[in-house]
Amino acid sequence: VQLQASGGGLVQAGGSLRLSCAASGLTFNSYALGWFRQAPGKEREFVAAIEWSVVYYGDSAKGRFTISRDNDKNTVYLQMNSLKPEDTAIYYCNAVFIRAYWGQGTQVTVSS
């Protein structure tokens, strides 16, 4: 199983980014998919998840981020709008079905 996250980068506060996570080696439709993030010196934090068509968001993501999935492309997305400097972190995707698999992370840096 491989999860390849991409789309991170440097953006100014108020800007947007779309993260992608392409999965391979699994039956994609069966998995719940999620995004987590970890800032320096902090614990990993839940951002968003999608299970079938039901979505969940952490408090920091509500109203600004949108998670979606494309089962034909085996890809999960995280659209991030109105970014803030405190959103700076490494963003990880995961896939869960009986056990969890993690991607390698993509760096998001939001400048003030």
C-alpha atoms as a PDB file:
ATOM      1  CA  VAL A   1       0.000   0.000   0.000  1.00  0.00           C
ATOM      2  CA  GLN A   2       1.299   3.446  -0.900  1.00  0.00           C
ATOM      3  CA  LEU A   3      -0.152   6.867  -0.192  1.00  0.00           C
ATOM      4  CA  GLN A   4       1.528   9.729  -2.015  1.00  0.00           C
ATOM      5  CA  ALA A   5       0.659  13.195  -0.740  1.00  0.00           C
ATOM      6  CA  SER A   6       1.331  16.280  -2.812  1.00  0.00           C
ATOM      7  CA  GLY A   7       0.253  19.875  -3.264  1.00  0.00           C
ATOM      8  CA  GLY A   8       1.907  21.498  -0.301  1.00  0.00           C
ATOM      9  CA  GLY A   9       3.914  24.672  -0.579  1.00  0.00           C
ATOM     10  CA  LEU A  10       4.341  28.235   0.578  1.00  0.00           C
ATOM     11  CA  VAL A  11       1.309  30.500   0.497  1.00  0.00           C
ATOM     12  CA  GLN A  12       0.403  33.845   1.996  1.00  0.00           C
ATOM     13  CA  ALA A  13      -2.211  34.143   4.683  1.00  0.00           C
ATOM     14  CA  GLY A  14      -5.670  34.195   3.154  1.00  0.00           C
ATOM     15  CA  GLY A  15      -4.571  32.059   0.238  1.00  0.00           C
ATOM     16  CA  SER A  16      -5.579  28.566  -0.813  1.00  0.00           C
ATOM     17  CA  LEU A  17      -3.972  25.232  -1.491  1.00  0.00           C
ATOM     18  CA  ARG A  18      -5.310  21.889  -2.612  1.00  0.00           C
ATOM     19  CA  LEU A  19      -3.621  18.805  -1.296  1.00  0.00           C
ATOM     20  CA  SER A  20      -3.877  15.482  -3.060  1.00  0.00           C
ATOM     21  CA  CYS A  21      -3.183  11.984  -1.843  1.00  0.00           C
ATOM     22  CA  ALA A  22      -2.970   9.247  -4.431  1.00  0.00           C
ATOM     23  CA  ALA A  23      -3.384   5.701  -3.152  1.00  0.00           C
ATOM     24  CA  SER A  24      -2.265   2.429  -4.658  1.00  0.00           C
ATOM     25  CA  GLY A  25      -2.231  -1.178  -3.598  1.00  0.00           C
ATOM     26  CA  LEU A  26      -5.580  -1.133  -1.825  1.00  0.00           C
ATOM     27  CA  THR A  27      -9.278  -1.417  -2.572  1.00  0.00           C
ATOM     28  CA  PHE A  28      -9.769   2.309  -2.395  1.00  0.00           C
ATOM     29  CA  ASN A  29     -13.562   2.307  -2.126  1.00  0.00           C
ATOM     30  CA  SER A  30     -13.405   0.286   1.087  1.00  0.00           C
ATOM     31  CA  TYR A  31     -11.282   2.761   2.992  1.00  0.00           C
ATOM     32  CA  ALA A  32     -12.063   5.765   5.110  1.00  0.00           C
ATOM     33  CA  LEU A  33      -9.614   8.510   4.197  1.00  0.00           C
ATOM     34  CA  GLY A  34      -8.279  11.280   6.315  1.00  0.00           C
ATOM     35  CA  TRP A  35      -5.932  14.184   6.676  1.00  0.00           C
ATOM     36  CA  PHE A  36      -3.899  14.978   9.757  1.00  0.00           C
ATOM     37  CA  ARG A  37      -1.253  17.581  10.379  1.00  0.00           C
ATOM     38  CA  GLN A  38       1.673  18.070  12.679  1.00  0.00           C
ATOM     39  CA  ALA A  39       3.325  21.373  13.444  1.00  0.00           C
ATOM     40  CA  PRO A  40       6.812  21.570  14.976  1.00  0.00           C
ATOM     41  CA  GLY A  41       6.714  20.720  18.655  1.00  0.00           C
ATOM     42  CA  LYS A  42       3.061  19.748  18.557  1.00  0.00           C
ATOM     43  CA  GLU A  43       1.139  16.504  18.452  1.00  0.00           C
ATOM     44  CA  ARG A  44      -0.429  15.207  15.294  1.00  0.00           C
ATOM     45  CA  GLU A  45      -3.850  16.781  14.858  1.00  0.00           C
ATOM     46  CA  PHE A  46      -6.939  15.515  13.068  1.00  0.00           C
ATOM     47  CA  VAL A  47      -7.975  17.751  10.171  1.00  0.00           C
ATOM     48  CA  ALA A  48     -10.640  15.963   8.137  1.00  0.00           C
ATOM     49  CA  ALA A  49     -11.906  12.550   7.130  1.00  0.00           C
ATOM     50  CA  ILE A  50     -14.318  11.062   4.646  1.00  0.00           C
ATOM     51  CA  GLU A  51     -16.028   7.704   5.011  1.00  0.00           C
ATOM     52  CA  TRP A  52     -18.180   6.785   2.066  1.00  0.00           C
ATOM     53  CA  SER A  53     -19.833  10.188   1.538  1.00  0.00           C
ATOM     54  CA  VAL A  54     -19.849  11.270   5.177  1.00  0.00           C
ATOM     55  CA  VAL A  55     -17.301  13.937   6.073  1.00  0.00           C
ATOM     56  CA  TYR A  56     -15.818  14.940   9.393  1.00  0.00           C
ATOM     57  CA  TYR A  57     -13.758  17.982  10.269  1.00  0.00           C
ATOM     58  CA  GLY A  58     -11.576  19.019  13.125  1.00  0.00           C
ATOM     59  CA  ASP A  59     -12.328  22.346  14.715  1.00  0.00           C
ATOM     60  CA  SER A  60      -9.451  24.031  12.918  1.00  0.00           C
ATOM     61  CA  ALA A  61     -10.783  22.984   9.511  1.00  0.00           C
ATOM     62  CA  LYS A  62     -14.488  23.703   9.849  1.00  0.00           C
ATOM     63  CA  GLY A  63     -15.691  26.333   7.429  1.00  0.00           C
ATOM     64  CA  ARG A  64     -12.350  26.639   5.617  1.00  0.00           C
ATOM     65  CA  PHE A  65     -11.294  23.189   4.442  1.00  0.00           C
ATOM     66  CA  THR A  66     -13.125  20.669   2.292  1.00  0.00           C
ATOM     67  CA  ILE A  67     -12.249  17.020   1.957  1.00  0.00           C
ATOM     68  CA  SER A  68     -13.326  15.022  -1.074  1.00  0.00           C
ATOM     69  CA  ARG A  69     -12.467  11.787  -2.802  1.00  0.00           C
ATOM     70  CA  ASP A  70     -12.371  10.538  -6.360  1.00  0.00           C
ATOM     71  CA  ASN A  71     -12.768   6.779  -6.305  1.00  0.00           C
ATOM     72  CA  ASP A  72     -11.992   6.524 -10.025  1.00  0.00           C
ATOM     73  CA  LYS A  73      -8.600   8.143  -9.456  1.00  0.00           C
ATOM     74  CA  ASN A  74      -7.940   6.564  -6.046  1.00  0.00           C
ATOM     75  CA  THR A  75      -7.281  10.028  -4.727  1.00  0.00           C
ATOM     76  CA  VAL A  76      -8.409  12.052  -1.748  1.00  0.00           C
ATOM     77  CA  TYR A  77      -8.207  15.829  -1.739  1.00  0.00           C
ATOM     78  CA  LEU A  78      -8.088  18.561   0.846  1.00  0.00           C
ATOM     79  CA  GLN A  79      -9.084  21.984  -0.392  1.00  0.00           C
ATOM     80  CA  MET A  80      -7.805  24.579   2.052  1.00  0.00           C
ATOM     81  CA  ASN A  81      -9.060  28.143   1.864  1.00  0.00           C
ATOM     82  CA  SER A  82      -8.493  31.219   4.015  1.00  0.00           C
ATOM     83  CA  LEU A  83      -5.220  29.804   5.211  1.00  0.00           C
ATOM     84  CA  LYS A  84      -3.675  31.153   8.390  1.00  0.00           C
ATOM     85  CA  PRO A  85      -0.090  31.052   9.664  1.00  0.00           C
ATOM     86  CA  GLU A  86      -1.212  28.569  12.326  1.00  0.00           C
ATOM     87  CA  ASP A  87      -2.098  26.135   9.532  1.00  0.00           C
ATOM     88  CA  THR A  88       1.624  25.715   8.907  1.00  0.00           C
ATOM     89  CA  ALA A  89       2.426  22.034   9.374  1.00  0.00           C
ATOM     90  CA  ILE A  90       3.258  18.818   7.635  1.00  0.00           C
ATOM     91  CA  TYR A  91       0.016  17.349   6.330  1.00  0.00           C
ATOM     92  CA  TYR A  92      -0.396  13.592   6.240  1.00  0.00           C
ATOM     93  CA  CYS A  93      -3.058  11.526   4.568  1.00  0.00           C
ATOM     94  CA  ASN A  94      -4.190   8.169   5.834  1.00  0.00           C
ATOM     95  CA  ALA A  95      -6.420   5.329   4.762  1.00  0.00           C
ATOM     96  CA  VAL A  96      -8.206   3.150   7.277  1.00  0.00           C
ATOM     97  CA  PHE A  97      -9.917  -0.205   6.893  1.00  0.00           C
ATOM     98  CA  ILE A  98      -9.178  -2.613   9.716  1.00  0.00           C
ATOM     99  CA  ARG A  99      -5.732  -0.990   9.907  1.00  0.00           C
ATOM    100  CA  ALA A 100      -4.342   2.416   9.027  1.00  0.00           C
ATOM    101  CA  TYR A 101      -1.857   3.327   6.340  1.00  0.00           C
ATOM    102  CA  TRP A 102      -0.059   6.659   6.247  1.00  0.00           C
ATOM    103  CA  GLY A 103       1.444   8.778   3.508  1.00  0.00           C
ATOM    104  CA  GLN A 104       4.768  10.539   3.774  1.00  0.00           C
ATOM    105  CA  GLY A 105       3.434  14.046   4.362  1.00  0.00           C
ATOM    106  CA  THR A 106       3.571  17.300   2.468  1.00  0.00           C
ATOM    107  CA  GLN A 107       4.731  20.600   3.942  1.00  0.00           C
ATOM    108  CA  VAL A 108       2.357  23.534   4.062  1.00  0.00           C
ATOM    109  CA  THR A 109       3.772  26.894   5.076  1.00  0.00           C
ATOM    110  CA  VAL A 110       1.552  29.931   5.468  1.00  0.00           C
ATOM    111  CA  SER A 111       3.288  33.272   5.752  1.00  0.00           C
ATOM    112  CA  SER A 112       1.765  36.246   7.505  1.00  0.00           C
END
